[in-house]
Amino acid sequence: MRRTFFTELLFQVFALIVLVILVHAYYVTTVRPNATAVLEEQALRIQQEENYTPERSFWVLIRDIEQESCFILMFWAFAIMGYKAVFMFNERKLLQHEFLPVQEGVRILPEDTREYGRAMESLPERIRGMLLPRVLLSSLERFGSTRNVQDVSSVANSLCEAEAERLESELSMIRYIAWAIPSVGFIGTVRGIGQALGEAQRAVEGDIAGVTENLGVAFNSTFIALLISIVVMFLVHQLQLFQERLVFDTQTYVDHNLIRHMRSRGAA
């Protein structure tokens, strides 16, 4: 578990560094030059055409540092969610395997748990550390020591509940990113409004270009941030649903393939 934690931490740090480099490079080479060209063309046409109304440009909409930061955070959240989704997919694939080939009508007695347990312990370490093998092995060990099927069911449910809580807590970083994105957008709003107020004197004199440009910064940053936040939160809820289904299906697998076959010596 510790090795997995540090592996995920290194992945998150490395992904953030790579995304900062890539997104910033794209902004420097593509977004800001295009936005500058669009603004220059619009300014020229405003001077030349009396009734010209500038159209909203995608490049201008995303050109500021706040929007760049929001995109970096969005792709970082995507990377973390993709990393977790791969692990969840691998965990779910185990539900297709028959780890305990118990035929219908065959009963598992407490004396049989050692043999089944050895089969689980012979699995590769990577697989043995996943949820389903851990629950199966713990259930067999508990049945061998207590000879009580109810205790086995309690252990299996407790392990699944603990795993669900762990998975839920690991979403905290993604939820923080989803919270940070609109916050960054609001920073752009405050910055734009503040700069617009600084141009108030020029606006009184009849030059409103500075005010309108800075108000555009304020509204554009909020608009992009809220759109990105909606997408990220949708994917977070989908990942959470995927995790909850995995835990539920694991409980169902253990009940159907192991616990219902268990019988103690004194049971009828």
Protein backbone atom coordinates (compact mmCIF):
# COMPACT_ATOMS: atom_id res chain seq x y z
CA MET A 1 0.00 0.00 0.00
CA ARG A 2 2.85 2.36 0.88
CA ARG A 3 4.61 1.67 -2.41
CA THR A 4 1.36 2.36 -4.28
CA PHE A 5 0.96 5.66 -2.41
CA PHE A 6 4.44 6.89 -3.34
CA THR A 7 4.00 5.68 -6.92
CA GLU A 8 0.79 7.67 -7.25
CA LEU A 9 2.39 10.72 -5.61
CA LEU A 10 5.31 10.61 -8.06
CA PHE A 11 2.87 10.23 -10.95
CA GLN A 12 0.89 13.29 -9.81
CA VAL A 13 4.00 15.45 -9.46
CA PHE A 14 5.45 14.29 -12.79
CA ALA A 15 2.10 14.78 -14.56
CA LEU A 16 1.78 18.32 -13.19
CA ILE A 17 5.28 19.29 -14.34
CA VAL A 18 4.73 17.87 -17.81
CA LEU A 19 1.34 19.55 -18.18
CA VAL A 20 2.67 22.94 -17.07
CA ILE A 21 5.38 22.71 -19.73
CA LEU A 22 3.07 21.52 -22.51
CA VAL A 23 0.18 23.89 -21.85
CA HIS A 24 2.45 26.90 -21.39
CA ALA A 25 4.31 26.06 -24.59
CA TYR A 26 1.01 25.84 -26.47
CA TYR A 27 -0.09 29.18 -25.08
CA VAL A 28 3.19 30.87 -25.99
CA THR A 29 3.35 29.47 -29.52
CA THR A 30 -0.34 29.38 -30.50
CA VAL A 31 -2.93 30.90 -28.18
CA ARG A 32 -1.44 34.29 -27.34
CA PRO A 33 -0.11 35.06 -30.86
CA ASN A 34 -3.54 34.26 -32.34
CA ALA A 35 -5.31 36.30 -29.66
CA THR A 36 -3.03 39.26 -30.29
CA ALA A 37 -3.65 39.06 -34.03
CA VAL A 38 -7.41 38.93 -33.51
CA LEU A 39 -7.38 41.94 -31.16
CA GLU A 40 -5.22 43.96 -33.55
CA GLU A 41 -7.53 43.15 -36.45
CA GLN A 42 -10.60 44.09 -34.42
CA ALA A 43 -9.02 47.38 -33.30
CA LEU A 44 -8.17 48.24 -36.88
CA ARG A 45 -11.67 47.47 -38.14
CA ILE A 46 -13.23 49.51 -35.31
CA GLN A 47 -11.24 52.51 -36.52
CA GLN A 48 -12.12 51.92 -40.15
CA GLU A 49 -15.77 50.80 -39.88
CA GLU A 50 -18.20 52.89 -37.91
CA ASN A 51 -20.83 50.18 -37.36
CA TYR A 52 -18.41 47.27 -36.82
CA THR A 53 -19.18 45.01 -33.83
CA PRO A 54 -16.30 42.72 -32.76
CA GLU A 55 -17.14 39.02 -32.58
CA ARG A 56 -16.12 36.87 -29.64
CA SER A 57 -12.95 34.95 -30.47
CA PHE A 58 -12.03 31.64 -28.88
CA TRP A 59 -8.37 32.69 -28.76
CA VAL A 60 -9.20 35.89 -26.90
CA LEU A 61 -11.52 34.00 -24.59
CA ILE A 62 -8.74 31.70 -23.30
CA ARG A 63 -5.65 33.90 -23.65
CA ASP A 64 -5.09 35.08 -20.04
CA ILE A 65 -2.99 33.46 -17.33
CA GLU A 66 -6.05 32.44 -15.30
CA GLN A 67 -7.49 30.44 -18.18
CA GLU A 68 -4.10 28.83 -18.76
CA SER A 69 -3.96 27.83 -15.09
CA CYS A 70 -7.49 26.41 -15.30
CA PHE A 71 -6.57 24.25 -18.28
CA ILE A 72 -3.47 22.98 -16.49
CA LEU A 73 -5.57 22.03 -13.47
CA MET A 74 -8.19 20.41 -15.71
CA PHE A 75 -5.67 18.20 -17.51
CA TRP A 76 -4.01 17.39 -14.19
CA ALA A 77 -7.35 16.21 -12.81
CA PHE A 78 -7.89 14.17 -15.98
CA ALA A 79 -4.47 12.53 -15.52
CA ILE A 80 -5.16 11.61 -11.88
CA MET A 81 -8.62 10.28 -12.70
CA GLY A 82 -7.23 8.29 -15.61
CA TYR A 83 -4.58 6.78 -13.33
CA LYS A 84 -7.23 5.74 -10.81
CA ALA A 85 -9.57 4.47 -13.53
CA VAL A 86 -6.87 2.13 -14.86
CA PHE A 87 -6.46 0.62 -11.40
CA MET A 88 -10.21 0.29 -11.00
CA PHE A 89 -10.45 -1.40 -14.40
CA ASN A 90 -7.76 -3.91 -13.41
CA GLU A 91 -9.59 -4.58 -10.13
CA ARG A 92 -12.84 -5.14 -11.99
CA LYS A 93 -11.23 -7.60 -14.39
CA LEU A 94 -10.51 -9.86 -11.41
CA LEU A 95 -14.25 -10.31 -10.92
CA GLN A 96 -14.23 -12.36 -14.14
CA HIS A 97 -11.75 -14.88 -12.66
CA GLU A 98 -12.73 -17.95 -10.70
CA PHE A 99 -10.26 -17.86 -7.82
CA LEU A 100 -12.13 -20.52 -5.83
CA PRO A 101 -13.45 -23.18 -8.21
CA VAL A 102 -16.14 -24.53 -5.87
CA GLN A 103 -18.71 -26.59 -7.72
CA GLU A 104 -22.40 -26.24 -6.96
CA GLY A 105 -23.37 -28.41 -3.99
CA VAL A 106 -19.83 -28.64 -2.60
CA ARG A 107 -19.39 -27.26 0.92
CA ILE A 108 -16.32 -25.55 2.31
CA LEU A 109 -15.51 -26.73 5.84
CA PRO A 110 -13.14 -24.96 8.25
CA GLU A 111 -10.56 -27.69 7.58
CA ASP A 112 -10.59 -26.86 3.87
CA THR A 113 -9.65 -23.20 4.29
CA ARG A 114 -5.91 -23.91 4.46
CA GLU A 115 -5.94 -25.52 1.02
CA TYR A 116 -7.97 -22.69 -0.52
CA GLY A 117 -5.83 -20.15 1.30
CA ARG A 118 -2.64 -21.60 -0.21
CA ALA A 119 -4.17 -21.17 -3.66
CA MET A 120 -4.79 -17.49 -2.92
CA GLU A 121 -1.31 -16.99 -1.43
CA SER A 122 0.28 -18.44 -4.57
CA LEU A 123 -1.05 -15.54 -6.64
CA PRO A 124 1.46 -12.90 -7.79
CA GLU A 125 2.04 -10.17 -5.22
CA ARG A 126 0.57 -7.49 -7.48
CA ILE A 127 -2.72 -9.39 -7.77
CA ARG A 128 -2.73 -10.54 -4.15
CA GLY A 129 -2.74 -6.92 -3.01
CA MET A 130 -5.95 -6.08 -4.89
CA LEU A 131 -9.32 -5.89 -3.18
CA LEU A 132 -10.94 -9.16 -4.22
CA PRO A 133 -8.01 -11.50 -3.36
CA ARG A 134 -7.53 -9.69 -0.04
CA VAL A 135 -11.17 -10.13 0.91
CA LEU A 136 -11.20 -13.79 -0.14
CA LEU A 137 -8.02 -14.62 1.78
CA SER A 138 -9.14 -12.76 4.92
CA SER A 139 -12.52 -14.51 4.78
CA LEU A 140 -10.88 -17.93 4.52
CA GLU A 141 -8.53 -17.18 7.39
CA ARG A 142 -11.38 -15.97 9.60
CA PHE A 143 -13.49 -19.05 8.82
CA GLY A 144 -10.55 -21.33 9.62
CA SER A 145 -10.00 -19.66 12.99
CA THR A 146 -13.56 -19.00 14.18
CA ARG A 147 -15.56 -21.64 12.24
CA ASN A 148 -18.38 -19.10 12.13
CA VAL A 149 -19.92 -18.07 8.82
CA GLN A 150 -21.40 -14.91 10.32
CA ASP A 151 -17.91 -13.77 11.33
CA VAL A 152 -16.73 -14.34 7.77
CA SER A 153 -19.54 -12.20 6.42
CA SER A 154 -18.71 -9.44 8.91
CA VAL A 155 -15.02 -9.47 7.97
CA ALA A 156 -15.79 -9.33 4.26
CA ASN A 157 -18.20 -6.44 4.70
CA SER A 158 -15.76 -4.58 6.96
CA LEU A 159 -12.94 -4.90 4.43
CA CYS A 160 -15.17 -3.70 1.61
CA GLU A 161 -16.40 -0.75 3.68
CA ALA A 162 -12.81 0.16 4.58
CA GLU A 163 -11.83 -0.01 0.90
CA ALA A 164 -14.78 2.20 -0.03
CA GLU A 165 -13.69 4.78 2.56
CA ARG A 166 -10.10 4.64 1.29
CA LEU A 167 -11.17 5.16 -2.30
CA GLU A 168 -13.40 8.02 -1.22
CA SER A 169 -10.56 9.71 0.67
CA GLU A 170 -8.24 9.37 -2.33
CA LEU A 171 -10.62 11.55 -4.34
CA SER A 172 -9.82 14.50 -2.09
CA MET A 173 -7.05 15.79 -4.37
CA ILE A 174 -9.34 15.74 -7.40
CA ARG A 175 -12.07 17.48 -5.43
CA TYR A 176 -9.55 20.11 -4.37
CA ILE A 177 -8.63 20.70 -8.01
CA ALA A 178 -12.32 20.96 -8.92
CA TRP A 179 -12.69 23.59 -6.18
CA ALA A 180 -9.50 25.42 -7.19
CA ILE A 181 -10.52 25.88 -10.84
CA PRO A 182 -13.45 28.30 -10.25
CA SER A 183 -11.37 29.99 -7.54
CA VAL A 184 -8.67 30.74 -10.11
CA GLY A 185 -11.39 32.06 -12.40
CA PHE A 186 -12.61 34.42 -9.67
CA ILE A 187 -9.04 35.65 -9.21
CA GLY A 188 -9.13 36.63 -12.88
CA THR A 189 -12.43 38.38 -12.27
CA VAL A 190 -11.01 40.41 -9.41
CA ARG A 191 -7.89 41.24 -11.40
CA GLY A 192 -9.88 42.34 -14.44
CA ILE A 193 -12.28 44.49 -12.44
CA GLY A 194 -9.41 46.06 -10.53
CA GLN A 195 -7.60 46.95 -13.74
CA ALA A 196 -10.85 48.28 -15.23
CA LEU A 197 -11.30 50.59 -12.24
CA GLY A 198 -7.77 51.82 -12.82
CA GLU A 199 -8.87 52.90 -16.30
CA ALA A 200 -11.90 54.78 -14.97
CA GLN A 201 -10.30 58.19 -15.45
CA ARG A 202 -9.62 57.49 -19.12
CA ALA A 203 -13.17 56.23 -19.54
CA VAL A 204 -14.50 59.51 -18.14
CA GLU A 205 -12.44 61.29 -20.78
CA GLY A 206 -14.09 59.18 -23.49
CA ASP A 207 -11.56 56.35 -24.00
CA ILE A 208 -13.31 53.18 -22.85
CA ALA A 209 -11.04 50.72 -24.65
CA GLY A 210 -9.04 49.91 -21.51
CA VAL A 211 -12.15 49.41 -19.40
CA THR A 212 -13.82 47.07 -21.89
CA GLU A 213 -10.64 45.04 -22.38
CA ASN A 214 -10.13 44.53 -18.65
CA LEU A 215 -13.79 43.69 -18.09
CA GLY A 216 -13.39 41.12 -20.84
CA VAL A 217 -10.53 39.58 -18.84
CA ALA A 218 -12.79 39.42 -15.78
CA PHE A 219 -15.74 37.76 -17.50
CA ASN A 220 -13.71 35.46 -19.75
CA SER A 221 -11.75 33.96 -16.87
CA THR A 222 -14.90 33.23 -14.87
CA PHE A 223 -16.70 31.80 -17.90
CA ILE A 224 -13.88 29.37 -18.79
CA ALA A 225 -13.31 28.37 -15.17
CA LEU A 226 -16.97 27.51 -14.58
CA LEU A 227 -17.19 25.50 -17.80
CA ILE A 228 -14.09 23.50 -16.90
CA SER A 229 -15.37 22.97 -13.36
CA ILE A 230 -18.62 21.49 -14.67
CA VAL A 231 -16.73 18.97 -16.82
CA VAL A 232 -14.32 18.00 -14.03
CA MET A 233 -17.08 17.52 -11.45
CA PHE A 234 -19.06 15.35 -13.85
CA LEU A 235 -16.06 13.06 -14.35
CA VAL A 236 -15.37 12.99 -10.60
CA HIS A 237 -18.89 11.73 -9.94
CA GLN A 238 -18.52 9.11 -12.68
CA LEU A 239 -15.28 7.87 -11.13
CA GLN A 240 -16.87 7.76 -7.70
CA LEU A 241 -19.77 5.75 -9.11
CA PHE A 242 -17.29 3.36 -10.75
CA GLN A 243 -15.55 2.86 -7.40
CA GLU A 244 -18.80 2.27 -5.52
CA ARG A 245 -19.90 -0.32 -8.07
CA LEU A 246 -16.55 -2.09 -7.76
CA VAL A 247 -16.91 -2.43 -3.99
CA PHE A 248 -20.53 -3.58 -4.28
CA ASP A 249 -19.69 -6.14 -6.98
CA THR A 250 -16.81 -7.43 -4.85
CA GLN A 251 -19.17 -8.02 -1.93
CA THR A 252 -21.57 -9.82 -4.25
CA TYR A 253 -18.73 -11.97 -5.65
CA VAL A 254 -17.59 -13.03 -2.17
CA ASP A 255 -21.12 -13.82 -1.04
CA HIS A 256 -21.92 -15.85 -4.16
CA ASN A 257 -18.62 -17.67 -4.69
CA LEU A 258 -17.41 -18.22 -1.14
CA ILE A 259 -19.66 -17.49 1.82
CA ARG A 260 -22.73 -19.35 0.56
CA HIS A 261 -20.59 -22.51 0.22
CA MET A 262 -19.28 -22.38 3.80
CA ARG A 263 -20.62 -24.78 6.38
CA SER A 264 -19.35 -25.49 9.87
CA ARG A 265 -19.35 -29.04 11.25
CA GLY A 266 -22.32 -28.39 13.49
CA ALA A 267 -24.44 -26.73 10.78
CA ALA A 268 -27.22 -28.66 9.14
